């Protein structure tokens, strides 16, 4: 009994003792000059808004890329945020990456995320068949009737009095 209780409580103890395991992705590095946040996809325009927020007290240069192609570049004023839109084709996805650009060193990757455009395509076709809940109810009723028939048939065979084992 105690072993069952201990095994049932083990996941709760792991969460309390190791809170770092519950975190899906670490937060931004404190040394990064800016952060990147990505909104949800805008279905009408097939674009996504990317916000870059400068965390420093000086001008920061950036390069925003989608699938390794530069979408926007420029600079972010100190302690300000800028927003750029990135186009994502319908039914596809794009890897959006934000790089910090400096003249003396190579571009530094700050953040990246994959965005999928799974918006519905155009107009939907009208529903011409029966509703799905009706089909599910009919399938369930047919299964119950079939199961009842098998149980009734087996019940008529099983308790025979002429069994070879009753001697």
N, C-alpha and C. Protein backbone atom coordinates (compact mmCIF):
# COMPACT_ATOMS: atom_id res chain seq x y z
N UNK A 1 0.83 -1.20 0.00
CA UNK A 1 0.00 0.00 0.00
C UNK A 1 0.87 1.26 0.00
N UNK A 2 1.90 1.26 0.83
CA UNK A 2 2.78 2.43 0.89
C UNK A 2 3.57 2.60 -0.40
N UNK A 3 3.93 1.48 -1.01
CA UNK A 3 4.67 1.56 -2.27
C UNK A 3 3.82 2.18 -3.37
N UNK A 4 2.54 1.83 -3.42
CA UNK A 4 1.63 2.41 -4.41
C UNK A 4 1.48 3.91 -4.19
N UNK A 5 1.34 4.30 -2.94
CA UNK A 5 1.19 5.72 -2.62
C UNK A 5 2.46 6.49 -2.99
N UNK A 6 3.61 5.90 -2.71
CA UNK A 6 4.88 6.56 -3.05
C UNK A 6 5.03 6.70 -4.57
N UNK A 7 4.67 5.65 -5.32
CA UNK A 7 4.77 5.73 -6.77
C UNK A 7 3.78 6.73 -7.35
N UNK A 8 2.60 6.84 -6.75
CA UNK A 8 1.62 7.81 -7.23
C UNK A 8 2.05 9.24 -6.95
N UNK A 9 2.76 9.47 -5.86
CA UNK A 9 3.18 10.82 -5.48
C UNK A 9 4.52 11.20 -6.10
N UNK A 10 5.22 10.29 -6.73
CA UNK A 10 6.54 10.56 -7.28
C UNK A 10 6.56 11.70 -8.30
N UNK A 11 5.63 11.76 -9.27
CA UNK A 11 5.68 12.89 -10.21
C UNK A 11 5.50 14.25 -9.54
N UNK A 12 4.67 14.33 -8.52
CA UNK A 12 4.49 15.61 -7.81
C UNK A 12 5.77 16.02 -7.10
N UNK A 13 6.45 15.06 -6.47
CA UNK A 13 7.70 15.38 -5.80
C UNK A 13 8.77 15.82 -6.79
N UNK A 14 8.80 15.22 -7.96
CA UNK A 14 9.79 15.60 -8.96
C UNK A 14 9.56 17.04 -9.41
N UNK A 15 8.30 17.43 -9.59
CA UNK A 15 7.99 18.80 -10.01
C UNK A 15 8.39 19.79 -8.93
N UNK A 16 8.16 19.47 -7.67
CA UNK A 16 8.51 20.40 -6.60
C UNK A 16 10.01 20.45 -6.34
N UNK A 17 10.68 19.31 -6.46
CA UNK A 17 12.10 19.29 -6.16
C UNK A 17 12.95 19.81 -7.32
N UNK A 18 12.48 19.60 -8.56
CA UNK A 18 13.23 20.02 -9.73
C UNK A 18 12.39 20.96 -10.58
N UNK A 19 12.19 22.21 -10.16
CA UNK A 19 11.32 23.11 -10.93
C UNK A 19 11.89 23.47 -12.29
N UNK A 20 13.18 23.31 -12.51
CA UNK A 20 13.75 23.64 -13.81
C UNK A 20 13.28 22.67 -14.89
N UNK A 21 12.87 21.46 -14.52
CA UNK A 21 12.42 20.50 -15.52
C UNK A 21 11.07 20.88 -16.09
N UNK A 22 10.30 21.68 -15.38
CA UNK A 22 8.98 22.07 -15.86
C UNK A 22 9.06 23.18 -16.90
N UNK A 23 10.19 23.87 -16.99
CA UNK A 23 10.35 24.97 -17.93
C UNK A 23 10.64 24.42 -19.32
N UNK A 24 9.85 24.82 -20.31
CA UNK A 24 10.00 24.28 -21.66
C UNK A 24 11.22 24.88 -22.37
N UNK A 25 11.46 26.15 -22.24
CA UNK A 25 12.55 26.81 -22.93
C UNK A 25 13.07 27.92 -22.03
N UNK A 26 14.37 28.05 -21.90
CA UNK A 26 14.87 29.10 -21.01
C UNK A 26 14.53 30.49 -21.53
N UNK A 27 14.54 31.43 -20.64
CA UNK A 27 14.23 32.81 -21.00
C UNK A 27 15.36 33.42 -21.81
N UNK A 28 15.22 34.68 -22.20
CA UNK A 28 16.26 35.33 -23.00
C UNK A 28 17.54 35.49 -22.18
N UNK A 29 18.66 35.43 -22.89
CA UNK A 29 19.95 35.64 -22.22
C UNK A 29 20.04 37.08 -21.73
N UNK A 30 20.59 37.30 -20.54
CA UNK A 30 20.69 38.67 -20.05
C UNK A 30 21.66 39.51 -20.87
N UNK A 31 22.57 38.91 -21.61
CA UNK A 31 23.53 39.65 -22.40
C UNK A 31 23.05 40.00 -23.80
N UNK A 32 21.88 39.51 -24.20
CA UNK A 32 21.36 39.79 -25.53
C UNK A 32 20.98 41.26 -25.65
N UNK A 33 21.28 41.90 -26.78
CA UNK A 33 20.93 43.31 -26.93
C UNK A 33 19.43 43.53 -27.15
N UNK A 34 18.73 42.54 -27.70
CA UNK A 34 17.29 42.69 -27.90
C UNK A 34 16.61 41.34 -27.81
N UNK A 35 15.28 41.36 -27.69
CA UNK A 35 14.48 40.14 -27.65
C UNK A 35 13.55 40.13 -28.85
N UNK A 36 13.09 38.95 -29.19
CA UNK A 36 12.17 38.79 -30.32
C UNK A 36 10.91 38.09 -29.83
N UNK A 37 9.75 38.62 -30.23
CA UNK A 37 8.48 37.94 -29.97
C UNK A 37 7.69 37.90 -31.26
N UNK A 38 6.99 36.79 -31.48
CA UNK A 38 6.26 36.56 -32.73
C UNK A 38 4.78 36.40 -32.40
N UNK A 39 3.93 37.15 -33.09
CA UNK A 39 2.49 37.05 -32.90
C UNK A 39 1.93 35.88 -33.69
N UNK A 40 0.63 35.70 -33.60
CA UNK A 40 -0.03 34.67 -34.39
C UNK A 40 -0.12 35.11 -35.85
N UNK A 41 -0.30 34.15 -36.71
CA UNK A 41 -0.36 34.43 -38.15
C UNK A 41 -1.64 35.19 -38.48
N UNK A 42 -1.55 36.19 -39.33
CA UNK A 42 -2.72 36.93 -39.80
C UNK A 42 -3.22 36.25 -41.07
N UNK A 43 -4.37 35.61 -40.99
CA UNK A 43 -4.85 34.78 -42.10
C UNK A 43 -5.22 35.60 -43.33
N UNK A 44 -5.74 36.79 -43.15
CA UNK A 44 -6.16 37.58 -44.32
C UNK A 44 -4.95 38.01 -45.17
N UNK A 45 -3.89 38.44 -44.51
CA UNK A 45 -2.72 38.94 -45.23
C UNK A 45 -1.61 37.91 -45.37
N UNK A 46 -1.75 36.75 -44.69
CA UNK A 46 -0.72 35.70 -44.68
C UNK A 46 0.61 36.25 -44.16
N UNK A 47 0.54 37.07 -43.13
CA UNK A 47 1.74 37.65 -42.53
C UNK A 47 1.73 37.40 -41.04
N UNK A 48 2.91 37.50 -40.46
CA UNK A 48 3.07 37.39 -39.02
C UNK A 48 3.87 38.62 -38.56
N UNK A 49 3.48 39.16 -37.41
CA UNK A 49 4.16 40.34 -36.86
C UNK A 49 5.26 39.90 -35.92
N UNK A 50 6.45 40.43 -36.14
CA UNK A 50 7.62 40.13 -35.31
C UNK A 50 8.02 41.42 -34.61
N UNK A 51 8.09 41.37 -33.27
CA UNK A 51 8.46 42.54 -32.48
C UNK A 51 9.85 42.33 -31.90
N UNK A 52 10.72 43.29 -32.16
CA UNK A 52 12.08 43.29 -31.62
C UNK A 52 12.16 44.40 -30.58
N UNK A 53 12.57 44.06 -29.36
CA UNK A 53 12.59 45.02 -28.25
C UNK A 53 14.03 45.18 -27.76
N UNK A 54 14.55 46.40 -27.87
CA UNK A 54 15.92 46.69 -27.44
C UNK A 54 15.97 46.74 -25.92
N UNK A 55 16.94 46.02 -25.33
CA UNK A 55 17.08 45.98 -23.87
C UNK A 55 18.23 46.84 -23.37
N UNK A 56 18.96 47.44 -24.29
CA UNK A 56 20.15 48.20 -23.89
C UNK A 56 19.89 49.70 -23.94
N UNK A 57 20.90 50.47 -23.55
CA UNK A 57 20.80 51.93 -23.56
C UNK A 57 21.48 52.54 -24.78
N UNK A 58 21.69 51.72 -25.80
CA UNK A 58 22.33 52.22 -27.02
C UNK A 58 21.64 51.64 -28.24
N UNK A 59 21.91 52.24 -29.37
CA UNK A 59 21.34 51.79 -30.63
C UNK A 59 21.84 50.38 -30.96
N UNK A 60 20.93 49.52 -31.41
CA UNK A 60 21.29 48.13 -31.72
C UNK A 60 20.89 47.83 -33.15
N UNK A 61 21.81 47.23 -33.91
CA UNK A 61 21.52 46.84 -35.29
C UNK A 61 21.03 45.40 -35.32
N UNK A 62 20.08 45.13 -36.25
CA UNK A 62 19.49 43.80 -36.33
C UNK A 62 19.37 43.36 -37.78
N UNK A 63 19.19 42.07 -37.96
CA UNK A 63 18.92 41.47 -39.27
C UNK A 63 17.86 40.40 -39.03
N UNK A 64 16.71 40.55 -39.67
CA UNK A 64 15.60 39.61 -39.51
C UNK A 64 15.53 38.75 -40.76
N UNK A 65 15.59 37.43 -40.57
CA UNK A 65 15.61 36.50 -41.71
C UNK A 65 14.47 35.50 -41.60
N UNK A 66 13.93 35.14 -42.77
CA UNK A 66 12.92 34.09 -42.87
C UNK A 66 13.45 33.05 -43.84
N UNK A 67 13.66 31.84 -43.35
CA UNK A 67 14.26 30.75 -44.15
C UNK A 67 15.57 31.20 -44.78
N UNK A 68 16.42 31.80 -43.98
CA UNK A 68 17.77 32.24 -44.35
C UNK A 68 17.81 33.38 -45.38
N UNK A 69 16.69 33.98 -45.69
CA UNK A 69 16.64 35.14 -46.59
C UNK A 69 16.31 36.37 -45.76
N UNK A 70 17.06 37.43 -45.95
CA UNK A 70 16.85 38.66 -45.18
C UNK A 70 15.51 39.29 -45.54
N UNK A 71 14.70 39.53 -44.51
CA UNK A 71 13.39 40.15 -44.67
C UNK A 71 13.46 41.63 -44.31
N UNK A 72 14.15 41.93 -43.23
CA UNK A 72 14.28 43.31 -42.78
C UNK A 72 15.61 43.46 -42.05
N UNK A 73 16.18 44.64 -42.15
CA UNK A 73 17.38 44.95 -41.38
C UNK A 73 17.32 46.43 -41.03
N UNK A 74 18.07 46.78 -40.03
CA UNK A 74 18.06 48.17 -39.59
C UNK A 74 18.56 48.27 -38.17
N UNK A 75 18.08 49.27 -37.47
CA UNK A 75 18.52 49.48 -36.09
C UNK A 75 17.32 49.77 -35.20
N UNK A 76 17.49 49.43 -33.93
CA UNK A 76 16.44 49.64 -32.92
C UNK A 76 16.96 50.70 -31.96
N UNK A 77 16.19 51.77 -31.75
CA UNK A 77 16.62 52.78 -30.78
C UNK A 77 16.69 52.20 -29.36
N UNK A 78 17.44 52.87 -28.50
CA UNK A 78 17.63 52.42 -27.13
C UNK A 78 16.29 52.33 -26.40
N UNK A 79 16.07 51.21 -25.73
CA UNK A 79 14.88 50.96 -24.90
C UNK A 79 13.57 51.10 -25.67
N UNK A 80 13.59 50.86 -26.98
CA UNK A 80 12.39 50.96 -27.82
C UNK A 80 12.13 49.61 -28.46
N UNK A 81 10.97 49.50 -29.10
CA UNK A 81 10.59 48.28 -29.81
C UNK A 81 10.15 48.64 -31.22
N UNK A 82 10.45 47.77 -32.15
CA UNK A 82 9.99 47.94 -33.52
C UNK A 82 9.25 46.67 -33.94
N UNK A 83 8.36 46.82 -34.90
CA UNK A 83 7.58 45.69 -35.39
C UNK A 83 7.73 45.60 -36.89
N UNK A 84 8.02 44.40 -37.36
CA UNK A 84 8.12 44.12 -38.79
C UNK A 84 7.18 42.97 -39.12
N UNK A 85 6.69 42.95 -40.36
CA UNK A 85 5.82 41.85 -40.80
C UNK A 85 6.60 40.95 -41.75
N UNK A 86 6.33 39.65 -41.60
CA UNK A 86 6.98 38.63 -42.42
C UNK A 86 5.89 37.86 -43.13
N UNK A 87 6.02 37.71 -44.44
CA UNK A 87 5.03 36.99 -45.24
C UNK A 87 5.34 35.51 -45.19
N UNK A 88 4.28 34.70 -44.95
CA UNK A 88 4.39 33.24 -44.92
C UNK A 88 3.33 32.69 -45.86
N UNK A 89 3.75 31.91 -46.86
CA UNK A 89 2.80 31.38 -47.83
C UNK A 89 1.81 30.42 -47.18
N UNK A 90 0.62 30.32 -47.76
CA UNK A 90 -0.41 29.42 -47.23
C UNK A 90 0.05 27.99 -47.33
N UNK A 91 -0.20 27.22 -46.26
CA UNK A 91 0.14 25.81 -46.24
C UNK A 91 1.61 25.52 -46.03
N UNK A 92 2.42 26.51 -45.75
CA UNK A 92 3.84 26.26 -45.54
C UNK A 92 4.26 26.87 -44.20
N UNK A 93 5.53 26.69 -43.89
CA UNK A 93 6.06 27.26 -42.65
C UNK A 93 7.35 28.00 -42.96
N UNK A 94 7.79 28.81 -42.02
CA UNK A 94 9.02 29.58 -42.19
C UNK A 94 9.76 29.63 -40.87
N UNK A 95 11.07 29.53 -40.94
CA UNK A 95 11.94 29.67 -39.77
C UNK A 95 12.33 31.14 -39.69
N UNK A 96 11.87 31.83 -38.65
CA UNK A 96 12.17 33.25 -38.48
C UNK A 96 13.31 33.38 -37.48
N UNK A 97 14.36 34.07 -37.89
CA UNK A 97 15.55 34.23 -37.06
C UNK A 97 15.90 35.70 -36.93
N UNK A 98 16.30 36.10 -35.72
CA UNK A 98 16.73 37.47 -35.46
C UNK A 98 18.22 37.44 -35.11
N UNK A 99 19.00 38.23 -35.84
CA UNK A 99 20.44 38.30 -35.63
C UNK A 99 20.83 39.70 -35.17
N UNK A 100 21.80 39.75 -34.27
CA UNK A 100 22.40 41.01 -33.86
C UNK A 100 23.59 41.26 -34.78
N UNK A 101 23.65 42.45 -35.37
CA UNK A 101 24.69 42.78 -36.33
C UNK A 101 25.64 43.79 -35.70
N UNK A 102 26.93 43.48 -35.78
CA UNK A 102 27.94 44.44 -35.33
C UNK A 102 29.05 44.45 -36.36
N UNK A 103 29.74 45.56 -36.47
CA UNK A 103 30.78 45.71 -37.47
C UNK A 103 32.02 44.88 -37.19
N UNK A 104 32.30 44.62 -35.90
CA UNK A 104 33.56 43.96 -35.55
C UNK A 104 33.45 42.44 -35.48
N UNK A 105 32.25 41.90 -35.27
CA UNK A 105 32.10 40.45 -35.10
C UNK A 105 31.06 39.92 -36.08
N UNK A 106 31.01 38.60 -36.18
CA UNK A 106 30.01 37.96 -37.04
C UNK A 106 28.62 38.15 -36.44
N UNK A 107 27.60 37.99 -37.29
CA UNK A 107 26.23 38.12 -36.81
C UNK A 107 25.95 37.08 -35.73
N UNK A 108 25.26 37.51 -34.67
CA UNK A 108 24.96 36.64 -33.55
C UNK A 108 23.48 36.32 -33.55
N UNK A 109 23.14 35.03 -33.53
CA UNK A 109 21.74 34.62 -33.49
C UNK A 109 21.17 34.93 -32.11
N UNK A 110 20.10 35.71 -32.06
CA UNK A 110 19.47 36.08 -30.80
C UNK A 110 18.32 35.12 -30.48
N UNK A 111 17.45 34.89 -31.46
CA UNK A 111 16.30 34.01 -31.24
C UNK A 111 15.81 33.50 -32.58
N UNK A 112 15.17 32.35 -32.56
CA UNK A 112 14.56 31.80 -33.77
C UNK A 112 13.30 31.03 -33.39
N UNK A 113 12.36 31.01 -34.31
CA UNK A 113 11.12 30.28 -34.09
C UNK A 113 10.56 29.85 -35.45
N UNK A 114 9.81 28.77 -35.45
CA UNK A 114 9.17 28.29 -36.67
C UNK A 114 7.70 28.67 -36.62
N UNK A 115 7.23 29.29 -37.71
CA UNK A 115 5.85 29.74 -37.82
C UNK A 115 5.19 28.94 -38.94
N UNK A 116 4.01 28.40 -38.68
CA UNK A 116 3.28 27.61 -39.68
C UNK A 116 2.00 28.34 -40.05
N UNK A 117 1.77 28.50 -41.35
CA UNK A 117 0.55 29.13 -41.84
C UNK A 117 -0.44 28.03 -42.19
N UNK A 118 -1.29 27.70 -41.24
CA UNK A 118 -2.29 26.66 -41.46
C UNK A 118 -3.70 27.25 -41.51
N UNK A 119 -3.79 28.45 -42.04
CA UNK A 119 -5.09 29.09 -42.19
C UNK A 119 -5.90 28.36 -43.26
N UNK A 120 -7.23 28.38 -43.16
CA UNK A 120 -8.05 27.71 -44.19
C UNK A 120 -7.88 28.41 -45.53
N UNK A 121 -7.92 27.64 -46.57
CA UNK A 121 -7.72 28.14 -47.93
C UNK A 121 -9.02 28.62 -48.51
N UNK A 122 -9.10 29.85 -48.87
CA UNK A 122 -10.25 30.40 -49.59
C UNK A 122 -11.58 30.13 -48.90
N UNK A 123 -12.59 29.89 -49.72
CA UNK A 123 -13.93 29.62 -49.20
C UNK A 123 -14.10 28.13 -48.98
N UNK A 124 -14.82 27.79 -47.96
CA UNK A 124 -15.06 26.38 -47.69
C UNK A 124 -16.22 25.87 -48.53
N UNK A 125 -16.16 24.60 -48.89
CA UNK A 125 -17.23 24.00 -49.66
C UNK A 125 -18.45 23.78 -48.77
N UNK A 126 -19.64 23.83 -49.33
CA UNK A 126 -20.82 23.59 -48.50
C UNK A 126 -20.91 22.13 -48.08
N UNK A 127 -21.49 21.90 -46.92
CA UNK A 127 -21.66 20.55 -46.40
C UNK A 127 -22.79 19.88 -47.17
N UNK A 128 -22.50 18.78 -47.86
CA UNK A 128 -23.51 18.13 -48.68
C UNK A 128 -23.93 16.78 -48.13
N UNK A 129 -23.16 16.19 -47.21
CA UNK A 129 -23.48 14.86 -46.69
C UNK A 129 -24.21 14.95 -45.36
N UNK A 130 -24.46 13.79 -44.77
CA UNK A 130 -25.11 13.79 -43.46
C UNK A 130 -24.17 14.34 -42.39
N UNK A 131 -24.72 14.86 -41.31
CA UNK A 131 -23.85 15.35 -40.24
C UNK A 131 -23.07 14.20 -39.62
N UNK A 132 -21.86 14.50 -39.18
CA UNK A 132 -20.98 13.45 -38.67
C UNK A 132 -21.49 12.83 -37.39
N UNK A 133 -22.19 13.60 -36.54
CA UNK A 133 -22.70 13.00 -35.31
C UNK A 133 -23.78 11.97 -35.61
N UNK A 134 -24.57 12.17 -36.67
CA UNK A 134 -25.57 11.18 -37.06
C UNK A 134 -24.90 9.89 -37.53
N UNK A 135 -23.84 10.01 -38.31
CA UNK A 135 -23.12 8.84 -38.78
C UNK A 135 -22.52 8.08 -37.60
N UNK A 136 -21.98 8.79 -36.63
CA UNK A 136 -21.40 8.13 -35.45
C UNK A 136 -22.46 7.41 -34.64
N UNK A 137 -23.64 8.02 -34.49
CA UNK A 137 -24.72 7.37 -33.75
C UNK A 137 -25.20 6.12 -34.47
N UNK A 138 -25.32 6.19 -35.79
CA UNK A 138 -25.74 5.01 -36.56
C UNK A 138 -24.70 3.89 -36.47
N UNK A 139 -23.42 4.23 -36.51
CA UNK A 139 -22.38 3.21 -36.39
C UNK A 139 -22.40 2.57 -35.01
N UNK A 140 -22.62 3.36 -33.97
CA UNK A 140 -22.71 2.81 -32.62
C UNK A 140 -23.91 1.89 -32.49
N UNK A 141 -25.05 2.30 -33.01
CA UNK A 141 -26.25 1.46 -32.94
C UNK A 141 -26.04 0.15 -33.70
N UNK A 142 -25.42 0.22 -34.88
CA UNK A 142 -25.14 -1.01 -35.63
C UNK A 142 -24.20 -1.93 -34.88
N UNK A 143 -23.19 -1.38 -34.23
CA UNK A 143 -22.27 -2.19 -33.44
C UNK A 143 -22.94 -2.84 -32.26
N UNK A 144 -23.84 -2.11 -31.60
CA UNK A 144 -24.57 -2.69 -30.46
C UNK A 144 -25.49 -3.83 -30.91
N UNK A 145 -26.16 -3.65 -32.03
CA UNK A 145 -27.04 -4.71 -32.54
C UNK A 145 -26.22 -5.94 -32.91
N UNK A 146 -25.09 -5.75 -33.56
CA UNK A 146 -24.24 -6.86 -33.93
C UNK A 146 -23.68 -7.58 -32.70
N UNK A 147 -23.25 -6.83 -31.70
CA UNK A 147 -22.74 -7.43 -30.46
C UNK A 147 -23.84 -8.19 -29.75
N UNK A 148 -25.03 -7.63 -29.69
CA UNK A 148 -26.16 -8.33 -29.06
C UNK A 148 -26.49 -9.62 -29.78
N UNK A 149 -26.44 -9.61 -31.11
CA UNK A 149 -26.69 -10.83 -31.88
C UNK A 149 -25.66 -11.90 -31.60
N UNK A 150 -24.40 -11.53 -31.51
CA UNK A 150 -23.35 -12.51 -31.21
C UNK A 150 -23.51 -13.08 -29.81
N UNK A 151 -23.82 -12.23 -28.82
CA UNK A 151 -24.03 -12.71 -27.45
C UNK A 151 -25.24 -13.62 -27.38
N UNK A 152 -26.34 -13.29 -28.07
CA UNK A 152 -27.54 -14.13 -28.08
C UNK A 152 -27.25 -15.49 -28.72
N UNK A 153 -26.51 -15.50 -29.85
CA UNK A 153 -26.18 -16.75 -30.52
C UNK A 153 -25.29 -17.61 -29.64
N UNK A 154 -24.25 -17.01 -29.02
CA UNK A 154 -23.36 -17.78 -28.16
C UNK A 154 -24.10 -18.28 -26.93
N UNK A 155 -25.05 -17.50 -26.40
CA UNK A 155 -25.84 -17.93 -25.24
C UNK A 155 -26.74 -19.11 -25.58
N UNK A 156 -27.16 -19.21 -26.82
CA UNK A 156 -27.99 -20.36 -27.19
C UNK A 156 -27.15 -21.62 -27.37
N UNK A 157 -25.86 -21.50 -27.61
CA UNK A 157 -24.99 -22.66 -27.79
C UNK A 157 -24.37 -23.15 -26.50
N UNK A 158 -24.03 -22.27 -25.62
CA UNK A 158 -23.16 -22.59 -24.50
C UNK A 158 -23.78 -23.54 -23.46
N UNK A 159 -24.92 -23.30 -22.90
CA UNK A 159 -25.38 -24.19 -21.82
C UNK A 159 -26.06 -25.45 -22.35
N UNK A 160 -25.51 -26.16 -23.28
CA UNK A 160 -26.13 -27.38 -23.80
C UNK A 160 -26.13 -28.47 -22.77
N UNK A 161 -27.17 -29.29 -22.84
CA UNK A 161 -27.25 -30.40 -21.90
C UNK A 161 -26.54 -31.63 -22.45
N UNK A 162 -26.30 -31.68 -23.73
CA UNK A 162 -25.61 -32.83 -24.32
C UNK A 162 -24.14 -32.62 -24.43
N UNK A 163 -23.53 -32.00 -23.45
CA UNK A 163 -22.12 -31.73 -23.49
C UNK A 163 -21.32 -33.01 -23.23
N UNK A 164 -20.22 -33.25 -23.91
CA UNK A 164 -19.42 -34.45 -23.68
C UNK A 164 -18.68 -34.42 -22.34
N UNK A 165 -18.67 -33.32 -21.65
CA UNK A 165 -17.94 -33.21 -20.38
C UNK A 165 -18.84 -33.53 -19.18
N UNK A 166 -20.10 -33.81 -19.37
CA UNK A 166 -21.02 -34.02 -18.25
C UNK A 166 -21.20 -35.52 -17.94
N UNK A 167 -20.33 -36.38 -18.08
CA UNK A 167 -20.49 -37.81 -17.81
C UNK A 167 -20.03 -38.22 -16.50
